[in-house]
Amino acid sequence: MVIENNSSIGVGAKALYLMLRDKQRQNGENFPLSIRKMCEMLAVSKPTVLRYRNELIASGLLVETKRFGEDGGCIANTYAIIE
């Protein structure tokens, strides 16, 4: 799917997708990335990144896998872009 021509995906979600796609190409299929880092990379707030991320997940363009540390606490989730 060519996201650039997908009118059902908002501009912000497209920006996140393209950023994550570049990251995936650099690091392999599944890669860890924190919400905080996404916020920094896009220069937007946490609620905005979460909205973009959820839009991509709902559209089937992004798969998120939750990860937990040895103590059971959450750590950076892994992401895979569906191209």
PDB file of N, CA and C in Angstrom:
ATOM      1  N   MET A   1       0.853  -1.185   0.000  1.00  0.00           N
ATOM      2  CA  MET A   1       0.000   0.000   0.000  1.00  0.00           C
ATOM      3  C   MET A   1       0.893   1.241   0.000  1.00  0.00           C
ATOM      4  N   VAL A   2       0.562   2.175  -0.831  1.00  0.00           N
ATOM      5  CA  VAL A   2       1.302   3.430  -0.880  1.00  0.00           C
ATOM      6  C   VAL A   2       0.590   4.427   0.025  1.00  0.00           C
ATOM      7  N   ILE A   3       1.180   4.670   1.173  1.00  0.00           N
ATOM      8  CA  ILE A   3       0.512   5.519   2.164  1.00  0.00           C
ATOM      9  C   ILE A   3       0.404   6.961   1.705  1.00  0.00           C
ATOM     10  N   GLU A   4       1.351   7.414   0.912  1.00  0.00           N
ATOM     11  CA  GLU A   4       1.335   8.796   0.464  1.00  0.00           C
ATOM     12  C   GLU A   4       0.047   9.139  -0.294  1.00  0.00           C
ATOM     13  N   ASN A   5      -0.545   8.160  -0.970  1.00  0.00           N
ATOM     14  CA  ASN A   5      -1.767   8.383  -1.750  1.00  0.00           C
ATOM     15  C   ASN A   5      -3.031   7.922  -1.037  1.00  0.00           C
ATOM     16  N   ASN A   6      -2.918   7.514   0.221  1.00  0.00           N
ATOM     17  CA  ASN A   6      -4.056   7.017   0.987  1.00  0.00           C
ATOM     18  C   ASN A   6      -4.751   8.200   1.664  1.00  0.00           C
ATOM     19  N   SER A   7      -5.911   8.589   1.149  1.00  0.00           N
ATOM     20  CA  SER A   7      -6.612   9.764   1.672  1.00  0.00           C
ATOM     21  C   SER A   7      -7.321   9.503   2.998  1.00  0.00           C
ATOM     22  N   SER A   8      -7.403   8.239   3.426  1.00  0.00           N
ATOM     23  CA  SER A   8      -8.077   7.945   4.692  1.00  0.00           C
ATOM     24  C   SER A   8      -7.137   8.082   5.895  1.00  0.00           C
ATOM     25  N   ILE A   9      -5.848   8.288   5.641  1.00  0.00           N
ATOM     26  CA  ILE A   9      -4.854   8.452   6.706  1.00  0.00           C
ATOM     27  C   ILE A   9      -4.482   9.927   6.788  1.00  0.00           C
ATOM     28  N   GLY A  10      -4.524  10.473   8.009  1.00  0.00           N
ATOM     29  CA  GLY A  10      -4.196  11.879   8.214  1.00  0.00           C
ATOM     30  C   GLY A  10      -2.720  12.172   7.983  1.00  0.00           C
ATOM     31  N   VAL A  11      -2.425  13.443   7.787  1.00  0.00           N
ATOM     32  CA  VAL A  11      -1.052  13.874   7.502  1.00  0.00           C
ATOM     33  C   VAL A  11      -0.101  13.509   8.639  1.00  0.00           C
ATOM     34  N   GLY A  12      -0.520  13.696   9.882  1.00  0.00           N
ATOM     35  CA  GLY A  12       0.340  13.374  11.021  1.00  0.00           C
ATOM     36  C   GLY A  12       0.635  11.893  11.114  1.00  0.00           C
ATOM     37  N   ALA A  13      -0.374  11.065  10.886  1.00  0.00           N
ATOM     38  CA  ALA A  13      -0.173   9.615  10.915  1.00  0.00           C
ATOM     39  C   ALA A  13       0.738   9.187   9.761  1.00  0.00           C
ATOM     40  N   LYS A  14       0.619   9.855   8.619  1.00  0.00           N
ATOM     41  CA  LYS A  14       1.517   9.560   7.499  1.00  0.00           C
ATOM     42  C   LYS A  14       2.956   9.895   7.860  1.00  0.00           C
ATOM     43  N   ALA A  15       3.155  11.029   8.529  1.00  0.00           N
ATOM     44  CA  ALA A  15       4.508  11.424   8.947  1.00  0.00           C
ATOM     45  C   ALA A  15       5.090  10.381   9.895  1.00  0.00           C
ATOM     46  N   LEU A  16       4.280   9.905  10.849  1.00  0.00           N
ATOM     47  CA  LEU A  16       4.744   8.870  11.773  1.00  0.00           C
ATOM     48  C   LEU A  16       5.061   7.587  11.010  1.00  0.00           C
ATOM     49  N   TYR A  17       4.199   7.202  10.103  1.00  0.00           N
ATOM     50  CA  TYR A  17       4.422   5.990   9.308  1.00  0.00           C
ATOM     51  C   TYR A  17       5.743   6.069   8.556  1.00  0.00           C
ATOM     52  N   LEU A  18       5.986   7.174   7.880  1.00  0.00           N
ATOM     53  CA  LEU A  18       7.206   7.321   7.086  1.00  0.00           C
ATOM     54  C   LEU A  18       8.443   7.311   7.975  1.00  0.00           C
ATOM     55  N   MET A  19       8.348   7.940   9.143  1.00  0.00           N
ATOM     56  CA  MET A  19       9.460   7.927  10.084  1.00  0.00           C
ATOM     57  C   MET A  19       9.739   6.505  10.575  1.00  0.00           C
ATOM     58  N   LEU A  20       8.672   5.784  10.925  1.00  0.00           N
ATOM     59  CA  LEU A  20       8.820   4.408  11.400  1.00  0.00           C
ATOM     60  C   LEU A  20       9.302   3.488  10.282  1.00  0.00           C
ATOM     61  N   ARG A  21       8.859   3.733   9.061  1.00  0.00           N
ATOM     62  CA  ARG A  21       9.314   2.926   7.930  1.00  0.00           C
ATOM     63  C   ARG A  21      10.823   3.086   7.723  1.00  0.00           C
ATOM     64  N   ASP A  22      11.297   4.314   7.821  1.00  0.00           N
ATOM     65  CA  ASP A  22      12.742   4.549   7.693  1.00  0.00           C
ATOM     66  C   ASP A  22      13.504   3.851   8.811  1.00  0.00           C
ATOM     67  N   LYS A  23      12.959   3.934  10.030  1.00  0.00           N
ATOM     68  CA  LYS A  23      13.590   3.278  11.182  1.00  0.00           C
ATOM     69  C   LYS A  23      13.621   1.763  10.981  1.00  0.00           C
ATOM     70  N   GLN A  24      12.531   1.215  10.471  1.00  0.00           N
ATOM     71  CA  GLN A  24      12.460  -0.233  10.233  1.00  0.00           C
ATOM     72  C   GLN A  24      13.489  -0.653   9.198  1.00  0.00           C
ATOM     73  N   ARG A  25      13.659   0.140   8.167  1.00  0.00           N
ATOM     74  CA  ARG A  25      14.632  -0.195   7.124  1.00  0.00           C
ATOM     75  C   ARG A  25      16.060  -0.162   7.665  1.00  0.00           C
ATOM     76  N   GLN A  26      16.313   0.681   8.655  1.00  0.00           N
ATOM     77  CA  GLN A  26      17.637   0.770   9.266  1.00  0.00           C
ATOM     78  C   GLN A  26      17.895  -0.359  10.255  1.00  0.00           C
ATOM     79  N   ASN A  27      16.852  -0.758  11.002  1.00  0.00           N
ATOM     80  CA  ASN A  27      17.030  -1.643  12.150  1.00  0.00           C
ATOM     81  C   ASN A  27      16.462  -3.050  11.998  1.00  0.00           C
ATOM     82  N   GLY A  28      15.795  -3.346  10.941  1.00  0.00           N
ATOM     83  CA  GLY A  28      15.192  -4.666  10.795  1.00  0.00           C
ATOM     84  C   GLY A  28      13.687  -4.606  10.950  1.00  0.00           C
ATOM     85  N   GLU A  29      13.058  -5.751  10.835  1.00  0.00           N
ATOM     86  CA  GLU A  29      11.596  -5.794  10.761  1.00  0.00           C
ATOM     87  C   GLU A  29      10.901  -5.287  12.021  1.00  0.00           C
ATOM     88  N   ASN A  30      11.247  -5.815  13.177  1.00  0.00           N
ATOM     89  CA  ASN A  30      10.646  -5.353  14.433  1.00  0.00           C
ATOM     90  C   ASN A  30      11.698  -4.566  15.194  1.00  0.00           C
ATOM     91  N   PHE A  31      11.353  -3.398  15.634  1.00  0.00           N
ATOM     92  CA  PHE A  31      12.335  -2.553  16.302  1.00  0.00           C
ATOM     93  C   PHE A  31      11.690  -1.874  17.503  1.00  0.00           C
ATOM     94  N   PRO A  32      12.454  -1.694  18.581  1.00  0.00           N
ATOM     95  CA  PRO A  32      11.910  -1.012  19.758  1.00  0.00           C
ATOM     96  C   PRO A  32      11.982   0.505  19.580  1.00  0.00           C
ATOM     97  N   LEU A  33      10.942   1.179  20.045  1.00  0.00           N
ATOM     98  CA  LEU A  33      10.923   2.643  20.008  1.00  0.00           C
ATOM     99  C   LEU A  33       9.914   3.129  21.037  1.00  0.00           C
ATOM    100  N   SER A  34      10.355   4.039  21.883  1.00  0.00           N
ATOM    101  CA  SER A  34       9.458   4.555  22.914  1.00  0.00           C
ATOM    102  C   SER A  34       8.564   5.657  22.355  1.00  0.00           C
ATOM    103  N   ILE A  35       7.433   5.836  22.998  1.00  0.00           N
ATOM    104  CA  ILE A  35       6.523   6.923  22.639  1.00  0.00           C
ATOM    105  C   ILE A  35       7.252   8.253  22.811  1.00  0.00           C
ATOM    106  N   ARG A  36       8.037   8.369  23.860  1.00  0.00           N
ATOM    107  CA  ARG A  36       8.785   9.611  24.110  1.00  0.00           C
ATOM    108  C   ARG A  36       9.700   9.948  22.935  1.00  0.00           C
ATOM    109  N   LYS A  37      10.380   8.929  22.393  1.00  0.00           N
ATOM    110  CA  LYS A  37      11.275   9.154  21.260  1.00  0.00           C
ATOM    111  C   LYS A  37      10.478   9.565  20.020  1.00  0.00           C
ATOM    112  N   MET A  38       9.321   8.952  19.816  1.00  0.00           N
ATOM    113  CA  MET A  38       8.469   9.345  18.690  1.00  0.00           C
ATOM    114  C   MET A  38       8.065  10.809  18.816  1.00  0.00           C
ATOM    115  N   CYS A  39       7.711  11.223  20.044  1.00  0.00           N
ATOM    116  CA  CYS A  39       7.333  12.617  20.295  1.00  0.00           C
ATOM    117  C   CYS A  39       8.483  13.556  19.939  1.00  0.00           C
ATOM    118  N   GLU A  40       9.675  13.187  20.366  1.00  0.00           N
ATOM    119  CA  GLU A  40      10.855  14.005  20.071  1.00  0.00           C
ATOM    120  C   GLU A  40      11.104  14.085  18.570  1.00  0.00           C
ATOM    121  N   MET A  41      11.001  12.966  17.892  1.00  0.00           N
ATOM    122  CA  MET A  41      11.307  12.920  16.460  1.00  0.00           C
ATOM    123  C   MET A  41      10.299  13.711  15.631  1.00  0.00           C
ATOM    124  N   LEU A  42       9.042  13.733  16.063  1.00  0.00           N
ATOM    125  CA  LEU A  42       7.997  14.461  15.331  1.00  0.00           C
ATOM    126  C   LEU A  42       7.720  15.846  15.913  1.00  0.00           C
ATOM    127  N   ALA A  43       8.298  16.129  17.079  1.00  0.00           N
ATOM    128  CA  ALA A  43       8.079  17.409  17.770  1.00  0.00           C
ATOM    129  C   ALA A  43       6.595  17.651  18.046  1.00  0.00           C
ATOM    130  N   VAL A  44       5.943  16.611  18.582  1.00  0.00           N
ATOM    131  CA  VAL A  44       4.528  16.712  18.957  1.00  0.00           C
ATOM    132  C   VAL A  44       4.346  16.107  20.350  1.00  0.00           C
ATOM    133  N   SER A  45       3.168  16.294  20.913  1.00  0.00           N
ATOM    134  CA  SER A  45       2.874  15.815  22.261  1.00  0.00           C
ATOM    135  C   SER A  45       2.589  14.307  22.267  1.00  0.00           C
ATOM    136  N   LYS A  46       2.620  13.745  23.465  1.00  0.00           N
ATOM    137  CA  LYS A  46       2.324  12.319  23.635  1.00  0.00           C
ATOM    138  C   LYS A  46       0.914  11.969  23.148  1.00  0.00           C
ATOM    139  N   PRO A  47      -0.128  12.736  23.535  1.00  0.00           N
ATOM    140  CA  PRO A  47      -1.463  12.392  23.031  1.00  0.00           C
ATOM    141  C   PRO A  47      -1.551  12.414  21.503  1.00  0.00           C
ATOM    142  N   THR A  48      -0.800  13.306  20.873  1.00  0.00           N
ATOM    143  CA  THR A  48      -0.806  13.381  19.412  1.00  0.00           C
ATOM    144  C   THR A  48      -0.154  12.148  18.810  1.00  0.00           C
ATOM    145  N   VAL A  49       0.993  11.745  19.333  1.00  0.00           N
ATOM    146  CA  VAL A  49       1.659  10.529  18.837  1.00  0.00           C
ATOM    147  C   VAL A  49       0.763   9.316  19.055  1.00  0.00           C
ATOM    148  N   LEU A  50       0.121   9.223  20.201  1.00  0.00           N
ATOM    149  CA  LEU A  50      -0.759   8.084  20.467  1.00  0.00           C
ATOM    150  C   LEU A  50      -1.923   8.052  19.478  1.00  0.00           C
ATOM    151  N   ARG A  51      -2.466   9.211  19.132  1.00  0.00           N
ATOM    152  CA  ARG A  51      -3.556   9.285  18.153  1.00  0.00           C
ATOM    153  C   ARG A  51      -3.062   8.812  16.778  1.00  0.00           C
ATOM    154  N   TYR A  52      -1.890   9.292  16.368  1.00  0.00           N
ATOM    155  CA  TYR A  52      -1.321   8.870  15.084  1.00  0.00           C
ATOM    156  C   TYR A  52      -1.060   7.366  15.080  1.00  0.00           C
ATOM    157  N   ARG A  53      -0.444   6.875  16.150  1.00  0.00           N
ATOM    158  CA  ARG A  53      -0.129   5.451  16.253  1.00  0.00           C
ATOM    159  C   ARG A  53      -1.397   4.609  16.179  1.00  0.00           C
ATOM    160  N   ASN A  54      -2.408   5.004  16.915  1.00  0.00           N
ATOM    161  CA  ASN A  54      -3.669   4.256  16.920  1.00  0.00           C
ATOM    162  C   ASN A  54      -4.334   4.263  15.550  1.00  0.00           C
ATOM    163  N   GLU A  55      -4.211   5.374  14.831  1.00  0.00           N
ATOM    164  CA  GLU A  55      -4.762   5.464  13.473  1.00  0.00           C
ATOM    165  C   GLU A  55      -4.069   4.454  12.550  1.00  0.00           C
ATOM    166  N   LEU A  56      -2.755   4.349  12.671  1.00  0.00           N
ATOM    167  CA  LEU A  56      -2.006   3.401  11.843  1.00  0.00           C
ATOM    168  C   LEU A  56      -2.323   1.959  12.207  1.00  0.00           C
ATOM    169  N   ILE A  57      -2.454   1.672  13.497  1.00  0.00           N
ATOM    170  CA  ILE A  57      -2.799   0.317  13.938  1.00  0.00           C
ATOM    171  C   ILE A  57      -4.192  -0.062  13.437  1.00  0.00           C
ATOM    172  N   ALA A  58      -5.149   0.860  13.589  1.00  0.00           N
ATOM    173  CA  ALA A  58      -6.524   0.588  13.154  1.00  0.00           C
ATOM    174  C   ALA A  58      -6.615   0.387  11.642  1.00  0.00           C
ATOM    175  N   SER A  59      -5.723   1.029  10.899  1.00  0.00           N
ATOM    176  CA  SER A  59      -5.712   0.903   9.439  1.00  0.00           C
ATOM    177  C   SER A  59      -4.945  -0.326   8.963  1.00  0.00           C
ATOM    178  N   GLY A  60      -4.337  -1.063   9.892  1.00  0.00           N
ATOM    179  CA  GLY A  60      -3.591  -2.257   9.534  1.00  0.00           C
ATOM    180  C   GLY A  60      -2.215  -1.976   8.958  1.00  0.00           C
ATOM    181  N   LEU A  61      -1.715  -0.759   9.181  1.00  0.00           N
ATOM    182  CA  LEU A  61      -0.413  -0.371   8.630  1.00  0.00           C
ATOM    183  C   LEU A  61       0.721  -0.506   9.637  1.00  0.00           C
ATOM    184  N   LEU A  62       0.384  -0.729  10.900  1.00  0.00           N
ATOM    185  CA  LEU A  62       1.385  -0.822  11.950  1.00  0.00           C
ATOM    186  C   LEU A  62       0.990  -1.919  12.924  1.00  0.00           C
ATOM    187  N   VAL A  63       1.966  -2.724  13.300  1.00  0.00           N
ATOM    188  CA  VAL A  63       1.756  -3.761  14.316  1.00  0.00           C
ATOM    189  C   VAL A  63       2.633  -3.409  15.509  1.00  0.00           C
ATOM    190  N   GLU A  64       2.022  -3.369  16.673  1.00  0.00           N
ATOM    191  CA  GLU A  64       2.723  -3.051  17.916  1.00  0.00           C
ATOM    192  C   GLU A  64       2.769  -4.299  18.788  1.00  0.00           C
ATOM    193  N   THR A  65       3.948  -4.573  19.342  1.00  0.00           N
ATOM    194  CA  THR A  65       4.097  -5.683  20.283  1.00  0.00           C
ATOM    195  C   THR A  65       4.568  -5.106  21.609  1.00  0.00           C
ATOM    196  N   LYS A  66       3.775  -5.308  22.639  1.00  0.00           N
ATOM    197  CA  LYS A  66       4.128  -4.790  23.960  1.00  0.00           C
ATOM    198  C   LYS A  66       5.264  -5.614  24.554  1.00  0.00           C
ATOM    199  N   ARG A  67       6.158  -4.924  25.270  1.00  0.00           N
ATOM    200  CA  ARG A  67       7.294  -5.599  25.908  1.00  0.00           C
ATOM    201  C   ARG A  67       7.332  -5.221  27.384  1.00  0.00           C
ATOM    202  N   PHE A  68       7.823  -6.165  28.187  1.00  0.00           N
ATOM    203  CA  PHE A  68       7.918  -5.953  29.625  1.00  0.00           C
ATOM    204  C   PHE A  68       9.309  -6.347  30.102  1.00  0.00           C
ATOM    205  N   GLY A  69       9.810  -5.598  31.078  1.00  0.00           N
ATOM    206  CA  GLY A  69      11.105  -5.903  31.677  1.00  0.00           C
ATOM    207  C   GLY A  69      11.000  -7.059  32.651  1.00  0.00           C
ATOM    208  N   GLU A  70      12.132  -7.448  33.192  1.00  0.00           N
ATOM    209  CA  GLU A  70      12.167  -8.560  34.148  1.00  0.00           C
ATOM    210  C   GLU A  70      11.326  -8.286  35.382  1.00  0.00           C
ATOM    211  N   ASP A  71      11.203  -7.012  35.739  1.00  0.00           N
ATOM    212  CA  ASP A  71      10.411  -6.641  36.907  1.00  0.00           C
ATOM    213  C   ASP A  71       8.919  -6.507  36.595  1.00  0.00           C
ATOM    214  N   GLY A  72       8.542  -6.772  35.333  1.00  0.00           N
ATOM    215  CA  GLY A  72       7.142  -6.687  34.932  1.00  0.00           C
ATOM    216  C   GLY A  72       6.734  -5.317  34.448  1.00  0.00           C
ATOM    217  N   GLY A  73       7.630  -4.339  34.547  1.00  0.00           N
ATOM    218  CA  GLY A  73       7.319  -2.990  34.085  1.00  0.00           C
ATOM    219  C   GLY A  73       7.397  -2.886  32.571  1.00  0.00           C
ATOM    220  N   CYS A  74       6.657  -1.944  32.031  1.00  0.00           N
ATOM    221  CA  CYS A  74       6.650  -1.732  30.582  1.00  0.00           C
ATOM    222  C   CYS A  74       7.969  -1.133  30.120  1.00  0.00           C
ATOM    223  N   ILE A  75       8.438  -1.612  28.973  1.00  0.00           N
ATOM    224  CA  ILE A  75       9.592  -1.005  28.313  1.00  0.00           C
ATOM    225  C   ILE A  75       9.166  -0.689  26.886  1.00  0.00           C
ATOM    226  N   ALA A  76      10.035  -0.064  26.108  1.00  0.00           N
ATOM    227  CA  ALA A  76       9.676   0.360  24.758  1.00  0.00           C
ATOM    228  C   ALA A  76       9.099  -0.809  23.948  1.00  0.00           C
ATOM    229  N   ASN A  77       7.923  -0.592  23.383  1.00  0.00           N
ATOM    230  CA  ASN A  77       7.291  -1.603  22.546  1.00  0.00           C
ATOM    231  C   ASN A  77       8.057  -1.755  21.239  1.00  0.00           C
ATOM    232  N   THR A  78       7.822  -2.855  20.552  1.00  0.00           N
ATOM    233  CA  THR A  78       8.408  -3.005  19.227  1.00  0.00           C
ATOM    234  C   THR A  78       7.317  -2.740  18.194  1.00  0.00           C
ATOM    235  N   TYR A  79       7.754  -2.303  17.022  1.00  0.00           N
ATOM    236  CA  TYR A  79       6.833  -1.942  15.948  1.00  0.00           C
ATOM    237  C   TYR A  79       7.270  -2.591  14.652  1.00  0.00           C
ATOM    238  N   ALA A  80       6.305  -2.904  13.824  1.00  0.00           N
ATOM    239  CA  ALA A  80       6.565  -3.410  12.484  1.00  0.00           C
ATOM    240  C   ALA A  80       5.611  -2.690  11.533  1.00  0.00           C
ATOM    241  N   ILE A  81       6.171  -2.120  10.500  1.00  0.00           N
ATOM    242  CA  ILE A  81       5.397  -1.438   9.466  1.00  0.00           C
ATOM    243  C   ILE A  81       4.921  -2.478   8.459  1.00  0.00           C
ATOM    244  N   ILE A  82       3.686  -2.359   8.047  1.00  0.00           N
ATOM    245  CA  ILE A  82       3.139  -3.213   7.010  1.00  0.00           C
ATOM    246  C   ILE A  82       3.134  -2.389   5.723  1.00  0.00           C
ATOM    247  N   GLU A  83       3.952  -2.806   4.766  1.00  0.00           N
ATOM    248  CA  GLU A  83       4.054  -2.041   3.515  1.00  0.00           C
ATOM    249  C   GLU A  83       3.197  -2.680   2.442  1.00  0.00           C
TER     250      GLU A  83
END
